[in-house]
Structure formats: C-alpha cells, structure tokens
Amino acid sequence: MNKIYHLSTCGTCKKILEETKAKERGFVLQDIKKDKITPEQLDEMKALSGSYESLFSRRSQQYRPMGLHEKTLTEDDYRSLILQEYSFLKRPVAITGGKIYTGADVKNI
C-alpha cells in the first residue's frame, strides 16, 4: 500500500501533496493530527527507516520548551515522544514499494 502520513495544517505538507498529486496517484493519506499514529504504524516506519531517531523532528515547537535539546535521547525516548506528540514526527512520511521517505523534499515522493 502507498501511504503518506502528513499534517493537514502544515503548509509544506500541503505543497508536497499538491505537487506530487499523491491522492490522484492512489496514496492513502493519514492526517496525523486527526488520526493519531498507532504504535504498530510507528514500528513499521522504524523497520523501514532503521531508527526512531530518523523519524524524529527536532523542528517541532515542543522540542525546546520540553528541554529535549539538553538531553541525550534514546530510541525508546524517540518512540515514546512521537507517539505522545504528533508534531515530533518528521513529515511528511511516505511509504511506497516497501521503502520509506521522510521529510519535506518533493523528490522523495
């Protein structure tokens, strides 16, 4: 299945979805704010990407206020934080053909 995890209020995600014509190309779209990521979905992403850290966004507005920039985070920390707060997922995340693409680069999708 071709799937994209995105945030509907994110301008960059909107732009990428429009430019790639993801919906028209048959991608299933999941707005991570309205339909939270499940632990199973996150574990699938980790299996494809190699680590939870690679899926973690340090650009989240929650990152500095929570003091995370001053801590050494483990893989378990990254997993827990992403499940706790949707904005910690680096987005959009596209899964297609058994591969995963994360971040805001249109050529990835």
N, C-alpha and C. Protein backbone atom coordinates (compact mmCIF):
# COMPACT_ATOMS: atom_id res chain seq x y z
N MET A 1 0.84 -1.17 0.00
CA MET A 1 0.00 0.00 0.00
C MET A 1 0.89 1.24 0.00
N ASN A 2 0.49 2.24 -0.75
CA ASN A 2 1.17 3.53 -0.78
C ASN A 2 0.47 4.45 0.22
N LYS A 3 1.23 4.97 1.16
CA LYS A 3 0.63 5.77 2.22
C LYS A 3 1.50 6.97 2.55
N ILE A 4 0.83 8.07 2.88
CA ILE A 4 1.55 9.26 3.32
C ILE A 4 0.96 9.74 4.64
N TYR A 5 1.83 9.87 5.63
CA TYR A 5 1.47 10.46 6.92
C TYR A 5 1.82 11.93 6.82
N HIS A 6 0.84 12.78 7.09
CA HIS A 6 1.05 14.22 6.93
C HIS A 6 0.28 14.98 7.99
N LEU A 7 0.44 16.29 7.98
CA LEU A 7 -0.30 17.17 8.86
C LEU A 7 -1.05 18.16 7.97
N SER A 8 -2.37 18.16 8.06
CA SER A 8 -3.18 18.98 7.15
C SER A 8 -2.97 20.48 7.34
N THR A 9 -2.48 20.88 8.50
CA THR A 9 -2.26 22.30 8.74
C THR A 9 -0.85 22.75 8.38
N CYS A 10 -0.03 21.83 7.91
CA CYS A 10 1.35 22.14 7.55
C CYS A 10 1.42 22.60 6.10
N GLY A 11 1.86 23.81 5.88
CA GLY A 11 1.97 24.36 4.53
C GLY A 11 2.89 23.55 3.63
N THR A 12 3.98 23.09 4.18
CA THR A 12 4.93 22.30 3.39
C THR A 12 4.30 20.98 2.97
N CYS A 13 3.59 20.33 3.89
CA CYS A 13 2.91 19.06 3.55
C CYS A 13 1.88 19.30 2.45
N LYS A 14 1.09 20.36 2.59
CA LYS A 14 0.08 20.67 1.57
C LYS A 14 0.72 20.86 0.21
N LYS A 15 1.80 21.61 0.19
CA LYS A 15 2.51 21.88 -1.07
C LYS A 15 3.01 20.58 -1.71
N ILE A 16 3.60 19.72 -0.91
CA ILE A 16 4.14 18.46 -1.43
C ILE A 16 3.02 17.56 -1.93
N LEU A 17 1.92 17.49 -1.18
CA LEU A 17 0.80 16.65 -1.61
C LEU A 17 0.23 17.14 -2.94
N GLU A 18 0.16 18.46 -3.10
CA GLU A 18 -0.34 19.03 -4.36
C GLU A 18 0.64 18.78 -5.50
N GLU A 19 1.91 19.06 -5.27
CA GLU A 19 2.91 18.93 -6.33
C GLU A 19 3.09 17.49 -6.79
N THR A 20 2.98 16.54 -5.87
CA THR A 20 3.18 15.14 -6.23
C THR A 20 1.90 14.47 -6.71
N LYS A 21 0.77 15.17 -6.53
CA LYS A 21 -0.54 14.60 -6.88
C LYS A 21 -0.71 13.23 -6.21
N ALA A 22 -0.35 13.18 -4.94
CA ALA A 22 -0.34 11.93 -4.18
C ALA A 22 -1.71 11.25 -4.17
N LYS A 23 -2.75 12.03 -3.92
CA LYS A 23 -4.09 11.44 -3.85
C LYS A 23 -4.49 10.84 -5.20
N GLU A 24 -4.21 11.57 -6.26
CA GLU A 24 -4.54 11.10 -7.60
C GLU A 24 -3.73 9.86 -7.98
N ARG A 25 -2.55 9.73 -7.39
CA ARG A 25 -1.68 8.59 -7.66
C ARG A 25 -2.02 7.39 -6.78
N GLY A 26 -3.07 7.50 -5.98
CA GLY A 26 -3.53 6.37 -5.19
C GLY A 26 -2.95 6.23 -3.80
N PHE A 27 -2.27 7.25 -3.31
CA PHE A 27 -1.74 7.20 -1.95
C PHE A 27 -2.88 7.35 -0.95
N VAL A 28 -2.82 6.57 0.12
CA VAL A 28 -3.73 6.74 1.24
C VAL A 28 -3.11 7.83 2.11
N LEU A 29 -3.90 8.85 2.44
CA LEU A 29 -3.39 9.96 3.24
C LEU A 29 -3.91 9.85 4.67
N GLN A 30 -3.00 9.99 5.63
CA GLN A 30 -3.39 9.98 7.03
C GLN A 30 -2.93 11.27 7.68
N ASP A 31 -3.91 12.08 8.09
CA ASP A 31 -3.61 13.32 8.82
C ASP A 31 -3.30 12.92 10.26
N ILE A 32 -2.05 13.08 10.67
CA ILE A 32 -1.60 12.57 11.96
C ILE A 32 -2.16 13.35 13.16
N LYS A 33 -2.75 14.51 12.90
CA LYS A 33 -3.38 15.24 14.00
C LYS A 33 -4.77 14.69 14.27
N LYS A 34 -5.50 14.35 13.21
CA LYS A 34 -6.86 13.84 13.35
C LYS A 34 -6.89 12.34 13.61
N ASP A 35 -5.96 11.62 13.00
CA ASP A 35 -5.92 10.17 13.10
C ASP A 35 -4.51 9.79 13.59
N LYS A 36 -4.37 9.72 14.91
CA LYS A 36 -3.04 9.51 15.51
C LYS A 36 -2.34 8.26 14.99
N ILE A 37 -1.04 8.36 14.98
CA ILE A 37 -0.20 7.22 14.59
C ILE A 37 -0.31 6.16 15.67
N THR A 38 -0.47 4.93 15.26
CA THR A 38 -0.53 3.83 16.22
C THR A 38 0.89 3.32 16.47
N PRO A 39 1.09 2.65 17.59
CA PRO A 39 2.41 2.07 17.85
C PRO A 39 2.83 1.12 16.72
N GLU A 40 1.88 0.37 16.16
CA GLU A 40 2.20 -0.56 15.07
C GLU A 40 2.66 0.20 13.82
N GLN A 41 2.00 1.30 13.51
CA GLN A 41 2.40 2.10 12.35
C GLN A 41 3.80 2.67 12.55
N LEU A 42 4.07 3.18 13.74
CA LEU A 42 5.38 3.74 14.02
C LEU A 42 6.46 2.66 13.97
N ASP A 43 6.15 1.48 14.47
CA ASP A 43 7.12 0.38 14.42
C ASP A 43 7.40 -0.03 12.98
N GLU A 44 6.38 0.01 12.12
CA GLU A 44 6.58 -0.28 10.69
C GLU A 44 7.50 0.76 10.06
N MET A 45 7.29 2.03 10.40
CA MET A 45 8.15 3.10 9.88
C MET A 45 9.59 2.89 10.32
N LYS A 46 9.76 2.52 11.60
CA LYS A 46 11.11 2.29 12.14
C LYS A 46 11.79 1.13 11.43
N ALA A 47 11.03 0.07 11.16
CA ALA A 47 11.60 -1.09 10.48
C ALA A 47 12.12 -0.70 9.09
N LEU A 48 11.43 0.21 8.43
CA LEU A 48 11.84 0.65 7.10
C LEU A 48 12.95 1.69 7.14
N SER A 49 12.93 2.54 8.16
CA SER A 49 13.91 3.64 8.22
C SER A 49 15.19 3.27 8.97
N GLY A 50 15.08 2.29 9.87
CA GLY A 50 16.25 1.87 10.63
C GLY A 50 16.33 2.40 12.04
N SER A 51 15.62 3.49 12.33
CA SER A 51 15.64 4.02 13.70
C SER A 51 14.47 4.97 13.92
N TYR A 52 14.11 5.12 15.17
CA TYR A 52 13.08 6.10 15.53
C TYR A 52 13.66 7.51 15.40
N GLU A 53 14.94 7.64 15.68
CA GLU A 53 15.58 8.95 15.59
C GLU A 53 15.46 9.54 14.19
N SER A 54 15.56 8.71 13.16
CA SER A 54 15.46 9.21 11.79
C SER A 54 14.06 9.72 11.47
N LEU A 55 13.08 9.36 12.28
CA LEU A 55 11.70 9.81 12.09
C LEU A 55 11.35 11.00 12.97
N PHE A 56 12.27 11.39 13.83
CA PHE A 56 12.03 12.42 14.84
C PHE A 56 12.38 13.80 14.32
N SER A 57 11.47 14.74 14.54
CA SER A 57 11.69 16.12 14.11
C SER A 57 12.12 17.00 15.28
N ARG A 58 13.32 17.51 15.17
CA ARG A 58 13.81 18.45 16.18
C ARG A 58 13.29 19.86 15.90
N ARG A 59 12.56 20.02 14.82
CA ARG A 59 11.99 21.32 14.46
C ARG A 59 10.63 21.54 15.10
N SER A 60 10.12 20.54 15.81
CA SER A 60 8.84 20.67 16.48
C SER A 60 8.88 21.83 17.47
N GLN A 61 7.78 22.53 17.57
CA GLN A 61 7.72 23.65 18.52
C GLN A 61 7.77 23.18 19.96
N GLN A 62 7.59 21.90 20.19
CA GLN A 62 7.65 21.34 21.54
C GLN A 62 9.07 20.97 21.97
N TYR A 63 9.99 20.88 21.03
CA TYR A 63 11.32 20.35 21.29
C TYR A 63 12.08 21.16 22.35
N ARG A 64 12.24 22.44 22.15
CA ARG A 64 13.00 23.26 23.10
C ARG A 64 12.23 23.52 24.40
N PRO A 65 10.93 23.86 24.35
CA PRO A 65 10.21 24.09 25.60
C PRO A 65 10.23 22.89 26.56
N MET A 66 10.30 21.69 26.00
CA MET A 66 10.36 20.50 26.84
C MET A 66 11.78 20.21 27.31
N GLY A 67 12.74 21.03 26.88
CA GLY A 67 14.12 20.86 27.30
C GLY A 67 14.82 19.68 26.66
N LEU A 68 14.27 19.19 25.55
CA LEU A 68 14.82 18.00 24.91
C LEU A 68 16.18 18.26 24.27
N HIS A 69 16.44 19.52 23.92
CA HIS A 69 17.73 19.88 23.32
C HIS A 69 18.88 19.73 24.31
N GLU A 70 18.56 19.62 25.58
CA GLU A 70 19.57 19.48 26.62
C GLU A 70 19.74 18.04 27.10
N LYS A 71 18.99 17.12 26.49
CA LYS A 71 19.03 15.72 26.92
C LYS A 71 19.60 14.83 25.83
N THR A 72 20.12 13.71 26.26
CA THR A 72 20.55 12.67 25.33
C THR A 72 19.39 11.66 25.26
N LEU A 73 18.76 11.61 24.10
CA LEU A 73 17.58 10.76 23.94
C LEU A 73 17.94 9.38 23.41
N THR A 74 17.22 8.38 23.88
CA THR A 74 17.41 7.01 23.42
C THR A 74 16.35 6.69 22.36
N GLU A 75 16.49 5.56 21.72
CA GLU A 75 15.49 5.11 20.74
C GLU A 75 14.12 4.99 21.40
N ASP A 76 14.08 4.49 22.64
CA ASP A 76 12.81 4.39 23.36
C ASP A 76 12.21 5.77 23.62
N ASP A 77 13.07 6.75 23.90
CA ASP A 77 12.60 8.12 24.10
C ASP A 77 11.98 8.67 22.82
N TYR A 78 12.67 8.48 21.69
CA TYR A 78 12.15 8.97 20.41
C TYR A 78 10.79 8.35 20.11
N ARG A 79 10.68 7.04 20.31
CA ARG A 79 9.42 6.34 20.05
C ARG A 79 8.31 6.90 20.92
N SER A 80 8.58 7.01 22.20
CA SER A 80 7.58 7.49 23.15
C SER A 80 7.15 8.93 22.82
N LEU A 81 8.10 9.78 22.50
CA LEU A 81 7.79 11.17 22.19
C LEU A 81 6.94 11.31 20.92
N ILE A 82 7.26 10.54 19.90
CA ILE A 82 6.49 10.60 18.65
C ILE A 82 5.06 10.14 18.90
N LEU A 83 4.89 9.10 19.69
CA LEU A 83 3.54 8.61 19.99
C LEU A 83 2.77 9.58 20.88
N GLN A 84 3.49 10.29 21.72
CA GLN A 84 2.87 11.24 22.65
C GLN A 84 2.45 12.53 21.94
N GLU A 85 3.27 13.02 21.02
CA GLU A 85 3.05 14.33 20.38
C GLU A 85 3.26 14.20 18.88
N TYR A 86 2.18 14.34 18.11
CA TYR A 86 2.25 14.16 16.65
C TYR A 86 3.27 15.06 15.97
N SER A 87 3.53 16.22 16.53
CA SER A 87 4.44 17.16 15.87
C SER A 87 5.90 16.70 15.91
N PHE A 88 6.19 15.65 16.68
CA PHE A 88 7.56 15.12 16.70
C PHE A 88 7.87 14.20 15.52
N LEU A 89 6.86 13.84 14.74
CA LEU A 89 7.12 13.03 13.56
C LEU A 89 7.60 13.93 12.43
N LYS A 90 8.76 13.60 11.88
CA LYS A 90 9.28 14.32 10.72
C LYS A 90 8.32 14.04 9.58
N ARG A 91 7.83 15.07 8.92
CA ARG A 91 6.79 14.86 7.93
C ARG A 91 7.03 15.65 6.66
N PRO A 92 6.39 15.20 5.61
CA PRO A 92 5.55 14.02 5.53
C PRO A 92 6.39 12.75 5.50
N VAL A 93 5.74 11.64 5.82
CA VAL A 93 6.36 10.32 5.72
C VAL A 93 5.60 9.56 4.64
N ALA A 94 6.30 9.13 3.62
CA ALA A 94 5.68 8.37 2.53
C ALA A 94 6.24 6.95 2.55
N ILE A 95 5.33 5.99 2.44
CA ILE A 95 5.73 4.58 2.33
C ILE A 95 5.17 4.07 1.01
N THR A 96 6.09 3.63 0.17
CA THR A 96 5.70 3.11 -1.14
C THR A 96 6.73 2.08 -1.60
N GLY A 97 6.24 1.01 -2.17
CA GLY A 97 7.13 -0.01 -2.70
C GLY A 97 8.09 -0.58 -1.67
N GLY A 98 7.64 -0.67 -0.42
CA GLY A 98 8.50 -1.22 0.62
C GLY A 98 9.61 -0.29 1.07
N LYS A 99 9.54 0.97 0.66
CA LYS A 99 10.56 1.96 1.06
C LYS A 99 9.87 3.12 1.77
N ILE A 100 10.66 3.82 2.57
CA ILE A 100 10.14 4.95 3.31
C ILE A 100 10.91 6.21 2.94
N TYR A 101 10.19 7.30 2.85
CA TYR A 101 10.78 8.60 2.55
C TYR A 101 10.25 9.59 3.59
N THR A 102 11.17 10.27 4.27
CA THR A 102 10.76 11.22 5.31
C THR A 102 11.26 12.61 4.98
N GLY A 103 10.50 13.57 5.42
CA GLY A 103 10.92 14.95 5.25
C GLY A 103 10.25 15.65 4.10
N ALA A 104 10.63 16.89 3.92
CA ALA A 104 9.93 17.79 3.03
C ALA A 104 10.55 17.96 1.65
N ASP A 105 11.23 16.96 1.17
CA ASP A 105 11.83 17.06 -0.16
C ASP A 105 10.92 16.38 -1.17
N VAL A 106 10.35 17.15 -2.11
CA VAL A 106 9.39 16.65 -3.07
C VAL A 106 9.94 15.45 -3.85
N LYS A 107 11.22 15.44 -4.14
CA LYS A 107 11.79 14.35 -4.93
C LYS A 107 11.75 13.02 -4.20
N ASN A 108 11.52 13.07 -2.88
CA ASN A 108 11.44 11.83 -2.11
C ASN A 108 10.16 11.05 -2.37
N ILE A 109 9.13 11.72 -2.88
CA ILE A 109 7.83 11.06 -3.02
C ILE A 109 7.56 10.75 -4.48
